[in-house]
Amino acid sequence: MKVSARNVFQGTVSQVREGAVNAEVTLALPGGSELVAVVTLDSIASLGLAPGKPAVALVKAPWVMVMTDSSGLRLSARNCLAGQVESVGDGVVNAEIVIALPGGNRVVAMVTREAVQELQLAPGVAATAVFKASHVILGVPA
């Protein structure tokens, strides 16, 4: 599969919580991290999403925010993946931040150069990738 999304996570569905219109799907990733996606009930049925089934989560890099100090904040974003900055790729306007997660996964974020300076992002710095469950696109093997 070739896609333009910088973040492609292979995992296993660990939970499906159905609501009236949408469902929350929790995807267990290697290394112990979890992702939560919100999808329609139609998507649950058409993709055959159920606990134990393999799935792929796609998240575009511009949808990922980077946080270095939560200062005790609780966020409404369901996905807060803690790790360490692996690299900072500097561009003219934006920078690409790669955060290494426990277990070998990586999250790529596109942030402004100002954010890199304000957050003092550099290799080795503890950082958390934050993105909403509605920004996770799920797929399954054909």
C-alpha atoms as a PDB file:
ATOM      1  CA  MET A   1       0.000   0.000   0.000  1.00  0.00           C
ATOM      2  CA  LYS A   2       1.346   3.407  -0.966  1.00  0.00           C
ATOM      3  CA  VAL A   3      -0.262   6.464   0.611  1.00  0.00           C
ATOM      4  CA  SER A   4       0.703  10.087   1.124  1.00  0.00           C
ATOM      5  CA  ALA A   5      -0.005   9.973   4.874  1.00  0.00           C
ATOM      6  CA  ARG A   6       3.315  10.095   6.744  1.00  0.00           C
ATOM      7  CA  ASN A   7       1.964   8.074   9.657  1.00  0.00           C
ATOM      8  CA  VAL A   8       0.955   4.492   8.902  1.00  0.00           C
ATOM      9  CA  PHE A   9       0.452   2.285  11.954  1.00  0.00           C
ATOM     10  CA  GLN A  10      -0.083  -1.491  11.772  1.00  0.00           C
ATOM     11  CA  GLY A  11      -2.006  -2.866  14.715  1.00  0.00           C
ATOM     12  CA  THR A  12      -4.769  -5.068  16.033  1.00  0.00           C
ATOM     13  CA  VAL A  13      -8.260  -3.940  16.980  1.00  0.00           C
ATOM     14  CA  SER A  14      -8.538  -4.312  20.760  1.00  0.00           C
ATOM     15  CA  GLN A  15     -11.937  -2.702  21.313  1.00  0.00           C
ATOM     16  CA  VAL A  16     -14.976  -1.416  19.419  1.00  0.00           C
ATOM     17  CA  ARG A  17     -17.418   0.795  21.330  1.00  0.00           C
ATOM     18  CA  GLU A  18     -20.515   1.455  19.266  1.00  0.00           C
ATOM     19  CA  GLY A  19     -22.655   4.547  19.721  1.00  0.00           C
ATOM     20  CA  ALA A  20     -25.847   5.660  17.980  1.00  0.00           C
ATOM     21  CA  VAL A  21     -24.077   6.841  14.805  1.00  0.00           C
ATOM     22  CA  ASN A  22     -20.328   6.402  15.289  1.00  0.00           C
ATOM     23  CA  ALA A  23     -18.021   3.969  16.996  1.00  0.00           C
ATOM     24  CA  GLU A  24     -14.712   4.271  18.811  1.00  0.00           C
ATOM     25  CA  VAL A  25     -12.152   1.758  17.657  1.00  0.00           C
ATOM     26  CA  THR A  26      -9.044   1.154  19.749  1.00  0.00           C
ATOM     27  CA  LEU A  27      -6.034  -0.158  17.873  1.00  0.00           C
ATOM     28  CA  ALA A  28      -3.236  -1.832  19.853  1.00  0.00           C
ATOM     29  CA  LEU A  29       0.201  -1.098  18.393  1.00  0.00           C
ATOM     30  CA  PRO A  30       3.391  -3.096  18.890  1.00  0.00           C
ATOM     31  CA  GLY A  31       5.206  -1.807  21.970  1.00  0.00           C
ATOM     32  CA  GLY A  32       2.078  -1.132  24.000  1.00  0.00           C
ATOM     33  CA  SER A  33       0.838   2.142  22.492  1.00  0.00           C
ATOM     34  CA  GLU A  34      -2.805   2.464  21.502  1.00  0.00           C
ATOM     35  CA  LEU A  35      -4.627   4.633  18.961  1.00  0.00           C
ATOM     36  CA  VAL A  36      -8.282   5.555  19.072  1.00  0.00           C
ATOM     37  CA  ALA A  37     -10.266   6.250  15.903  1.00  0.00           C
ATOM     38  CA  VAL A  38     -13.845   7.443  15.523  1.00  0.00           C
ATOM     39  CA  VAL A  39     -15.550   5.952  12.466  1.00  0.00           C
ATOM     40  CA  THR A  40     -19.107   5.457  11.300  1.00  0.00           C
ATOM     41  CA  LEU A  41     -21.049   2.298  12.033  1.00  0.00           C
ATOM     42  CA  ASP A  42     -21.130   1.717   8.272  1.00  0.00           C
ATOM     43  CA  SER A  43     -17.329   1.665   8.282  1.00  0.00           C
ATOM     44  CA  ILE A  44     -17.314  -0.852  11.146  1.00  0.00           C
ATOM     45  CA  ALA A  45     -19.522  -3.156   9.091  1.00  0.00           C
ATOM     46  CA  SER A  46     -17.869  -2.664   5.696  1.00  0.00           C
ATOM     47  CA  LEU A  47     -14.326  -3.082   7.069  1.00  0.00           C
ATOM     48  CA  GLY A  48     -15.268  -5.947   9.386  1.00  0.00           C
ATOM     49  CA  LEU A  49     -13.637  -4.223  12.359  1.00  0.00           C
ATOM     50  CA  ALA A  50     -13.755  -6.401  15.466  1.00  0.00           C
ATOM     51  CA  PRO A  51     -11.439  -7.224  18.379  1.00  0.00           C
ATOM     52  CA  GLY A  52      -8.506  -9.355  17.257  1.00  0.00           C
ATOM     53  CA  LYS A  53      -8.662  -8.239  13.613  1.00  0.00           C
ATOM     54  CA  PRO A  54      -5.616  -6.556  12.009  1.00  0.00           C
ATOM     55  CA  ALA A  55      -6.020  -2.948  10.899  1.00  0.00           C
ATOM     56  CA  VAL A  56      -3.995  -0.027   9.629  1.00  0.00           C
ATOM     57  CA  ALA A  57      -4.319   3.524  10.948  1.00  0.00           C
ATOM     58  CA  LEU A  58      -3.398   6.505   8.753  1.00  0.00           C
ATOM     59  CA  VAL A  59      -2.731   9.973  10.182  1.00  0.00           C
ATOM     60  CA  LYS A  60      -1.500  12.882   8.086  1.00  0.00           C
ATOM     61  CA  ALA A  61       1.484  14.739   9.605  1.00  0.00           C
ATOM     62  CA  PRO A  62      -0.230  18.186   9.602  1.00  0.00           C
ATOM     63  CA  TRP A  63      -2.975  16.735  11.858  1.00  0.00           C
ATOM     64  CA  VAL A  64      -0.412  15.943  14.584  1.00  0.00           C
ATOM     65  CA  MET A  65       0.380  18.519  17.265  1.00  0.00           C
ATOM     66  CA  VAL A  66       3.485  18.269  19.444  1.00  0.00           C
ATOM     67  CA  MET A  67       3.505  18.923  23.180  1.00  0.00           C
ATOM     68  CA  THR A  68       6.572  18.939  25.413  1.00  0.00           C
ATOM     69  CA  ASP A  69       5.078  19.721  28.812  1.00  0.00           C
ATOM     70  CA  SER A  70       1.472  18.960  29.660  1.00  0.00           C
ATOM     71  CA  SER A  71       1.697  20.950  32.915  1.00  0.00           C
ATOM     72  CA  GLY A  72      -1.105  18.799  34.271  1.00  0.00           C
ATOM     73  CA  LEU A  73      -3.434  19.561  31.357  1.00  0.00           C
ATOM     74  CA  ARG A  74      -6.033  17.029  30.313  1.00  0.00           C
ATOM     75  CA  LEU A  75      -6.880  17.200  26.617  1.00  0.00           C
ATOM     76  CA  SER A  76      -9.972  16.227  24.666  1.00  0.00           C
ATOM     77  CA  ALA A  77      -7.752  14.683  21.972  1.00  0.00           C
ATOM     78  CA  ARG A  78      -7.945  10.909  22.444  1.00  0.00           C
ATOM     79  CA  ASN A  79      -4.473  10.201  21.070  1.00  0.00           C
ATOM     80  CA  CYS A  80      -1.532  11.401  23.159  1.00  0.00           C
ATOM     81  CA  LEU A  81       1.507   9.275  22.312  1.00  0.00           C
ATOM     82  CA  ALA A  82       4.573   9.995  24.436  1.00  0.00           C
ATOM     83  CA  GLY A  83       8.100   9.449  23.185  1.00  0.00           C
ATOM     84  CA  GLN A  84      11.313  11.262  22.331  1.00  0.00           C
ATOM     85  CA  VAL A  85      12.142  13.539  19.442  1.00  0.00           C
ATOM     86  CA  GLU A  86      14.242  11.517  17.024  1.00  0.00           C
ATOM     87  CA  SER A  87      14.840  14.212  14.424  1.00  0.00           C
ATOM     88  CA  VAL A  88      13.914  17.748  13.399  1.00  0.00           C
ATOM     89  CA  GLY A  89      13.891  18.480   9.676  1.00  0.00           C
ATOM     90  CA  ASP A  90      13.934  22.221   9.162  1.00  0.00           C
ATOM     91  CA  GLY A  91      12.145  23.799   6.206  1.00  0.00           C
ATOM     92  CA  VAL A  92      11.557  27.374   5.083  1.00  0.00           C
ATOM     93  CA  VAL A  93       8.174  27.676   6.829  1.00  0.00           C
ATOM     94  CA  ASN A  94       7.554  24.371   8.598  1.00  0.00           C
ATOM     95  CA  ALA A  95       9.600  21.682  10.254  1.00  0.00           C
ATOM     96  CA  GLU A  96       9.140  17.915  10.246  1.00  0.00           C
ATOM     97  CA  ILE A  97       9.347  16.387  13.715  1.00  0.00           C
ATOM     98  CA  VAL A  98       9.813  12.633  14.150  1.00  0.00           C
ATOM     99  CA  ILE A  99       8.889  11.277  17.577  1.00  0.00           C
ATOM    100  CA  ALA A 100      10.093   7.755  18.432  1.00  0.00           C
ATOM    101  CA  LEU A 101       7.599   5.799  20.528  1.00  0.00           C
ATOM    102  CA  PRO A 102       8.308   2.830  22.776  1.00  0.00           C
ATOM    103  CA  GLY A 103       8.225  -0.361  20.713  1.00  0.00           C
ATOM    104  CA  GLY A 104       9.730   1.153  17.574  1.00  0.00           C
ATOM    105  CA  ASN A 105       6.820   3.125  16.099  1.00  0.00           C
ATOM    106  CA  ARG A 106       7.377   6.685  14.970  1.00  0.00           C
ATOM    107  CA  VAL A 107       5.006   9.632  14.630  1.00  0.00           C
ATOM    108  CA  VAL A 108       5.722  12.407  12.133  1.00  0.00           C
ATOM    109  CA  ALA A 109       4.341  15.912  12.729  1.00  0.00           C
ATOM    110  CA  MET A 110       4.534  19.068  10.631  1.00  0.00           C
ATOM    111  CA  VAL A 111       4.834  22.165  12.831  1.00  0.00           C
ATOM    112  CA  THR A 112       5.939  25.741  12.309  1.00  0.00           C
ATOM    113  CA  ARG A 113       9.550  26.746  12.800  1.00  0.00           C
ATOM    114  CA  GLU A 114       8.315  29.019  15.599  1.00  0.00           C
ATOM    115  CA  ALA A 115       6.858  25.980  17.392  1.00  0.00           C
ATOM    116  CA  VAL A 116      10.227  24.216  17.142  1.00  0.00           C
ATOM    117  CA  GLN A 117      11.890  27.177  18.839  1.00  0.00           C
ATOM    118  CA  GLU A 118       9.166  27.724  21.459  1.00  0.00           C
ATOM    119  CA  LEU A 119       9.073  24.045  22.420  1.00  0.00           C
ATOM    120  CA  GLN A 120      12.873  23.706  22.132  1.00  0.00           C
ATOM    121  CA  LEU A 121      12.435  20.601  19.994  1.00  0.00           C
ATOM    122  CA  ALA A 122      15.665  18.724  19.379  1.00  0.00           C
ATOM    123  CA  PRO A 123      16.726  15.081  19.260  1.00  0.00           C
ATOM    124  CA  GLY A 124      16.378  13.462  22.678  1.00  0.00           C
ATOM    125  CA  VAL A 125      13.728  15.862  24.000  1.00  0.00           C
ATOM    126  CA  ALA A 126      10.675  14.170  25.548  1.00  0.00           C
ATOM    127  CA  ALA A 127       7.600  14.989  23.458  1.00  0.00           C
ATOM    128  CA  THR A 128       4.027  13.856  22.982  1.00  0.00           C
ATOM    129  CA  ALA A 129       2.254  13.549  19.636  1.00  0.00           C
ATOM    130  CA  VAL A 130      -1.362  14.682  19.983  1.00  0.00           C
ATOM    131  CA  PHE A 131      -4.154  14.121  17.455  1.00  0.00           C
ATOM    132  CA  LYS A 132      -7.906  13.719  17.517  1.00  0.00           C
ATOM    133  CA  ALA A 133      -9.597  10.359  17.037  1.00  0.00           C
ATOM    134  CA  SER A 134     -11.560  11.849  14.142  1.00  0.00           C
ATOM    135  CA  HIS A 135      -8.257  12.394  12.288  1.00  0.00           C
ATOM    136  CA  VAL A 136      -7.457   8.673  12.213  1.00  0.00           C
ATOM    137  CA  ILE A 137      -8.411   6.806   9.052  1.00  0.00           C
ATOM    138  CA  LEU A 138      -8.670   3.029   9.393  1.00  0.00           C
ATOM    139  CA  GLY A 139      -8.105   0.366   6.761  1.00  0.00           C
ATOM    140  CA  VAL A 140      -7.955  -3.403   6.723  1.00  0.00           C
ATOM    141  CA  PRO A 141      -6.059  -5.915   4.589  1.00  0.00           C
ATOM    142  CA  ALA A 142      -7.950  -6.808   1.410  1.00  0.00           C
END
